[in-house]
Amino acid sequence: MSMGLTRRHDSFYVEFHVFDDGKHLRLAPPAAGRLKRWKVGSRNQRSARDQEAVIKTRLLAGQMLSPSANGRRPSRFGNGPKPT
């Protein structure tokens, strides 16, 4: 099962299976949904576990906004709409 806290060479990552309804991300059972990963940005395991708890709580409550909630996907090249 690949959920929770994982360690990479540069930092810790938190990963969970989530459902994306277009507005919010919600926690999904393991084998359902898609795997979403957040970079914790710390090499300290204790602070990474604290961040994991915060992310899981927000997913369970439905408070995490979907990346597609603003109407466009992030572009790899930054070719989004120009500010006016």
Protein backbone atom coordinates (compact mmCIF):
# COMPACT_ATOMS: atom_id res chain seq x y z
CA MET A 1 0.00 0.00 0.00
CA SER A 2 1.54 3.30 -1.05
CA MET A 3 -0.06 5.89 1.20
CA GLY A 4 1.27 8.25 3.79
CA LEU A 5 4.84 9.34 4.22
CA THR A 6 7.62 8.43 1.80
CA ARG A 7 11.21 9.56 1.77
CA ARG A 8 13.05 10.64 -1.34
CA HIS A 9 16.62 11.82 -1.72
CA ASP A 10 15.78 15.51 -1.22
CA SER A 11 12.79 15.58 1.13
CA PHE A 12 9.80 13.73 2.52
CA TYR A 13 6.63 13.40 0.45
CA VAL A 14 3.06 12.73 1.56
CA GLU A 15 0.96 10.68 -0.83
CA PHE A 16 -2.67 9.62 -0.72
CA HIS A 17 -5.22 8.23 -3.14
CA VAL A 18 -7.78 10.96 -3.82
CA PHE A 19 -11.02 11.59 -5.70
CA ASP A 20 -11.11 14.83 -7.69
CA ASP A 21 -14.62 16.16 -8.35
CA GLY A 22 -13.32 19.30 -10.07
CA LYS A 23 -13.71 21.48 -6.97
CA HIS A 24 -12.27 19.57 -4.03
CA LEU A 25 -9.98 16.63 -3.37
CA ARG A 26 -11.29 13.91 -1.07
CA LEU A 27 -9.55 10.90 0.46
CA ALA A 28 -10.19 7.66 -1.45
CA PRO A 29 -9.63 4.05 -0.45
CA PRO A 30 -6.26 2.60 -1.54
CA ALA A 31 -6.82 1.16 -5.09
CA ALA A 32 -9.44 3.77 -5.96
CA GLY A 33 -8.92 7.29 -7.20
CA ARG A 34 -5.54 8.58 -8.29
CA LEU A 35 -2.34 8.91 -6.34
CA LYS A 36 -1.56 12.51 -5.41
CA ARG A 37 1.77 13.52 -3.89
CA TRP A 38 2.69 16.65 -1.90
CA LYS A 39 6.27 17.66 -1.13
CA VAL A 40 6.71 18.39 2.57
CA GLY A 41 9.90 20.38 2.02
CA SER A 42 11.64 19.16 5.14
CA ARG A 43 14.14 16.45 5.94
CA ASN A 44 12.84 16.26 9.51
CA GLN A 45 10.63 13.20 9.91
CA ARG A 46 8.68 14.62 12.85
CA SER A 47 7.65 17.76 10.98
CA ALA A 48 6.85 15.59 7.93
CA ARG A 49 4.50 13.46 10.04
CA ASP A 50 2.82 16.62 11.36
CA GLN A 51 2.31 17.84 7.79
CA GLU A 52 0.94 14.42 6.82
CA ALA A 53 -1.68 14.70 9.57
CA VAL A 54 -2.70 18.18 8.41
CA ILE A 55 -3.08 17.07 4.78
CA LYS A 56 -5.06 13.95 5.73
CA THR A 57 -7.39 15.96 7.97
CA ARG A 58 -8.05 18.47 5.20
CA LEU A 59 -8.71 15.65 2.70
CA LEU A 60 -11.17 13.94 5.06
CA ALA A 61 -13.00 17.24 5.62
CA GLY A 62 -13.07 18.05 1.89
CA GLN A 63 -11.16 21.32 2.36
CA MET A 64 -8.39 20.71 -0.19
CA LEU A 65 -9.06 22.61 -3.40
CA SER A 66 -8.65 20.73 -6.63
CA PRO A 67 -5.88 21.90 -8.98
CA SER A 68 -8.55 22.14 -11.69
CA ALA A 69 -10.83 24.32 -9.53
CA ASN A 70 -9.57 27.53 -11.12
CA GLY A 71 -10.65 26.39 -14.58
CA ARG A 72 -7.27 25.54 -16.09
CA ARG A 73 -4.56 23.01 -15.53
CA PRO A 74 -1.06 24.17 -14.62
CA SER A 75 1.03 24.43 -17.73
CA ARG A 76 4.52 23.04 -17.96
CA PHE A 77 5.64 26.04 -19.97
CA GLY A 78 3.67 28.78 -18.23
CA ASN A 79 1.48 29.48 -21.29
CA GLY A 80 -1.60 30.39 -19.26
CA PRO A 81 -3.81 33.39 -19.89
CA LYS A 82 -1.99 36.70 -19.84
CA PRO A 83 -2.94 39.18 -17.08
CA THR A 84 -4.79 42.23 -18.34
